[in-house]
C-alpha atoms as a PDB file:
ATOM      1  CA  UNK A   1       0.000   0.000   0.000  1.00  0.00           C
ATOM      2  CA  UNK A   2       1.145   3.552  -0.641  1.00  0.00           C
ATOM      3  CA  UNK A   3      -0.242   7.020  -0.001  1.00  0.00           C
ATOM      4  CA  UNK A   4       0.250  10.216  -1.975  1.00  0.00           C
ATOM      5  CA  UNK A   5      -1.530  12.918   0.022  1.00  0.00           C
ATOM      6  CA  UNK A   6      -0.623  16.541   0.673  1.00  0.00           C
ATOM      7  CA  UNK A   7      -2.291  18.907   3.141  1.00  0.00           C
ATOM      8  CA  UNK A   8      -1.371  22.588   2.977  1.00  0.00           C
ATOM      9  CA  UNK A   9      -2.471  25.755   4.743  1.00  0.00           C
ATOM     10  CA  UNK A  10      -1.014  28.944   3.329  1.00  0.00           C
ATOM     11  CA  UNK A  11      -1.518  32.176   1.430  1.00  0.00           C
ATOM     12  CA  UNK A  12      -2.228  32.570  -2.282  1.00  0.00           C
ATOM     13  CA  UNK A  13       0.735  34.383  -3.922  1.00  0.00           C
ATOM     14  CA  UNK A  14      -1.158  35.865  -6.916  1.00  0.00           C
ATOM     15  CA  UNK A  15      -4.641  35.786  -8.406  1.00  0.00           C
ATOM     16  CA  UNK A  16      -5.260  32.289  -9.809  1.00  0.00           C
ATOM     17  CA  UNK A  17      -4.747  31.762 -13.546  1.00  0.00           C
ATOM     18  CA  UNK A  18      -7.765  30.150 -15.208  1.00  0.00           C
ATOM     19  CA  UNK A  19      -7.295  28.325 -18.516  1.00  0.00           C
ATOM     20  CA  UNK A  20     -10.411  27.477 -20.541  1.00  0.00           C
ATOM     21  CA  UNK A  21     -10.212  24.734 -23.167  1.00  0.00           C
ATOM     22  CA  UNK A  22     -12.157  24.361 -26.430  1.00  0.00           C
ATOM     23  CA  UNK A  23     -14.311  21.586 -24.937  1.00  0.00           C
ATOM     24  CA  UNK A  24     -15.420  23.951 -22.149  1.00  0.00           C
ATOM     25  CA  UNK A  25     -13.184  22.415 -19.483  1.00  0.00           C
ATOM     26  CA  UNK A  26     -11.178  24.647 -17.161  1.00  0.00           C
ATOM     27  CA  UNK A  27      -7.925  24.383 -15.274  1.00  0.00           C
ATOM     28  CA  UNK A  28      -6.765  26.647 -12.473  1.00  0.00           C
ATOM     29  CA  UNK A  29      -3.198  27.199 -11.282  1.00  0.00           C
ATOM     30  CA  UNK A  30      -1.474  29.419  -8.726  1.00  0.00           C
ATOM     31  CA  UNK A  31       1.289  29.377  -6.141  1.00  0.00           C
ATOM     32  CA  UNK A  32       0.617  28.901  -2.444  1.00  0.00           C
ATOM     33  CA  UNK A  33       3.132  30.063   0.166  1.00  0.00           C
ATOM     34  CA  UNK A  34       3.563  28.234   3.456  1.00  0.00           C
ATOM     35  CA  UNK A  35       5.622  30.013   6.094  1.00  0.00           C
ATOM     36  CA  UNK A  36       7.672  28.777   9.011  1.00  0.00           C
ATOM     37  CA  UNK A  37       8.297  31.196  11.851  1.00  0.00           C
ATOM     38  CA  UNK A  38      11.923  31.829  12.750  1.00  0.00           C
ATOM     39  CA  UNK A  39      13.326  31.290  16.233  1.00  0.00           C
ATOM     40  CA  UNK A  40      16.402  31.755  18.411  1.00  0.00           C
ATOM     41  CA  UNK A  41      18.230  28.733  19.829  1.00  0.00           C
ATOM     42  CA  UNK A  42      19.392  28.483  23.446  1.00  0.00           C
ATOM     43  CA  UNK A  43      22.867  29.390  22.229  1.00  0.00           C
ATOM     44  CA  UNK A  44      21.541  32.623  20.708  1.00  0.00           C
ATOM     45  CA  UNK A  45      21.708  31.504  17.056  1.00  0.00           C
ATOM     46  CA  UNK A  46      18.913  33.183  15.087  1.00  0.00           C
ATOM     47  CA  UNK A  47      17.069  31.060  12.531  1.00  0.00           C
ATOM     48  CA  UNK A  48      15.197  33.327  10.102  1.00  0.00           C
ATOM     49  CA  UNK A  49      11.602  32.971   8.940  1.00  0.00           C
ATOM     50  CA  UNK A  50      11.340  30.821   5.827  1.00  0.00           C
ATOM     51  CA  UNK A  51       8.770  30.178   3.116  1.00  0.00           C
ATOM     52  CA  UNK A  52       8.028  27.322   0.737  1.00  0.00           C
ATOM     53  CA  UNK A  53       6.148  27.883  -2.506  1.00  0.00           C
ATOM     54  CA  UNK A  54       3.870  25.184  -3.904  1.00  0.00           C
ATOM     55  CA  UNK A  55       2.463  25.116  -7.447  1.00  0.00           C
ATOM     56  CA  UNK A  56      -1.241  24.314  -7.085  1.00  0.00           C
ATOM     57  CA  UNK A  57      -3.308  22.863  -9.944  1.00  0.00           C
ATOM     58  CA  UNK A  58      -7.084  22.390  -9.792  1.00  0.00           C
ATOM     59  CA  UNK A  59      -8.922  20.443 -12.499  1.00  0.00           C
ATOM     60  CA  UNK A  60     -12.284  19.576 -10.902  1.00  0.00           C
ATOM     61  CA  UNK A  61     -14.980  21.622 -12.713  1.00  0.00           C
ATOM     62  CA  UNK A  62     -17.005  22.784  -9.689  1.00  0.00           C
ATOM     63  CA  UNK A  63     -13.874  23.543  -7.708  1.00  0.00           C
ATOM     64  CA  UNK A  64     -12.373  25.635 -10.513  1.00  0.00           C
ATOM     65  CA  UNK A  65     -15.590  27.690 -10.602  1.00  0.00           C
ATOM     66  CA  UNK A  66     -15.373  28.364  -6.837  1.00  0.00           C
ATOM     67  CA  UNK A  67     -11.717  29.378  -7.095  1.00  0.00           C
ATOM     68  CA  UNK A  68     -12.418  31.611 -10.096  1.00  0.00           C
ATOM     69  CA  UNK A  69     -15.173  33.396  -8.205  1.00  0.00           C
ATOM     70  CA  UNK A  70     -13.760  33.731  -4.687  1.00  0.00           C
ATOM     71  CA  UNK A  71      -9.986  33.189  -4.501  1.00  0.00           C
ATOM     72  CA  UNK A  72      -7.699  36.227  -4.745  1.00  0.00           C
ATOM     73  CA  UNK A  73      -4.087  37.095  -4.010  1.00  0.00           C
ATOM     74  CA  UNK A  74      -3.352  37.057  -0.274  1.00  0.00           C
ATOM     75  CA  UNK A  75      -6.268  34.784   0.641  1.00  0.00           C
ATOM     76  CA  UNK A  76      -5.621  32.122   3.252  1.00  0.00           C
ATOM     77  CA  UNK A  77      -6.359  28.667   1.848  1.00  0.00           C
ATOM     78  CA  UNK A  78      -6.510  25.117   3.177  1.00  0.00           C
ATOM     79  CA  UNK A  79      -6.165  22.439   0.515  1.00  0.00           C
ATOM     80  CA  UNK A  80      -5.711  18.698   0.114  1.00  0.00           C
ATOM     81  CA  UNK A  81      -4.382  16.903  -2.918  1.00  0.00           C
ATOM     82  CA  UNK A  82      -1.537  14.810  -4.248  1.00  0.00           C
ATOM     83  CA  UNK A  83       1.912  15.370  -5.717  1.00  0.00           C
ATOM     84  CA  UNK A  84       2.269  14.932  -9.478  1.00  0.00           C
ATOM     85  CA  UNK A  85       5.514  15.206 -11.426  1.00  0.00           C
ATOM     86  CA  UNK A  86       5.278  16.984 -14.770  1.00  0.00           C
ATOM     87  CA  UNK A  87       7.943  16.942 -17.503  1.00  0.00           C
ATOM     88  CA  UNK A  88       8.823  20.378 -18.867  1.00  0.00           C
ATOM     89  CA  UNK A  89      11.141  19.213 -21.640  1.00  0.00           C
ATOM     90  CA  UNK A  90      14.857  18.982 -22.364  1.00  0.00           C
ATOM     91  CA  UNK A  91      17.397  21.640 -21.412  1.00  0.00           C
ATOM     92  CA  UNK A  92      21.165  21.226 -21.802  1.00  0.00           C
ATOM     93  CA  UNK A  93      20.671  17.506 -22.394  1.00  0.00           C
ATOM     94  CA  UNK A  94      18.719  17.015 -19.166  1.00  0.00           C
ATOM     95  CA  UNK A  95      15.036  16.299 -18.709  1.00  0.00           C
ATOM     96  CA  UNK A  96      13.491  19.099 -16.634  1.00  0.00           C
ATOM     97  CA  UNK A  97      10.579  18.282 -14.347  1.00  0.00           C
ATOM     98  CA  UNK A  98       8.457  20.136 -11.821  1.00  0.00           C
ATOM     99  CA  UNK A  99       6.192  19.055  -8.975  1.00  0.00           C
ATOM    100  CA  UNK A 100       2.549  20.131  -8.917  1.00  0.00           C
ATOM    101  CA  UNK A 101       0.065  19.723  -6.093  1.00  0.00           C
ATOM    102  CA  UNK A 102      -3.148  18.550  -7.787  1.00  0.00           C
ATOM    103  CA  UNK A 103      -5.860  19.646  -5.383  1.00  0.00           C
ATOM    104  CA  UNK A 104      -9.303  18.115  -4.954  1.00  0.00           C
ATOM    105  CA  UNK A 105     -10.382  19.705  -1.634  1.00  0.00           C
ATOM    106  CA  UNK A 106     -10.204  23.377  -0.692  1.00  0.00           C
ATOM    107  CA  UNK A 107     -11.485  25.533   2.136  1.00  0.00           C
ATOM    108  CA  UNK A 108     -11.184  29.308   2.207  1.00  0.00           C
ATOM    109  CA  UNK A 109     -10.050  30.240   5.704  1.00  0.00           C
END
């Protein structure tokens, strides 16, 4: 058995990009930032705040409509999905890939 599940809570980096296809289908994509608060160790070493950026993709028709209508830059968003690897092509003789989070559950917080 294996599990491919991602749960994220973060802020939308920019207004979502909606792509509409000839068959009427839609796809939504945007980046979501998750932040980790910095801290100071007992020894006085300061660890700075840090952020991770996740490329979110939504394909479910009803969900894309909700995102298109309500989600804007800066919004706080909870989402669940799975990691998918996508091939971008060849560059300098190497295959370039990227990781997407394909989301099927969202909640505007």
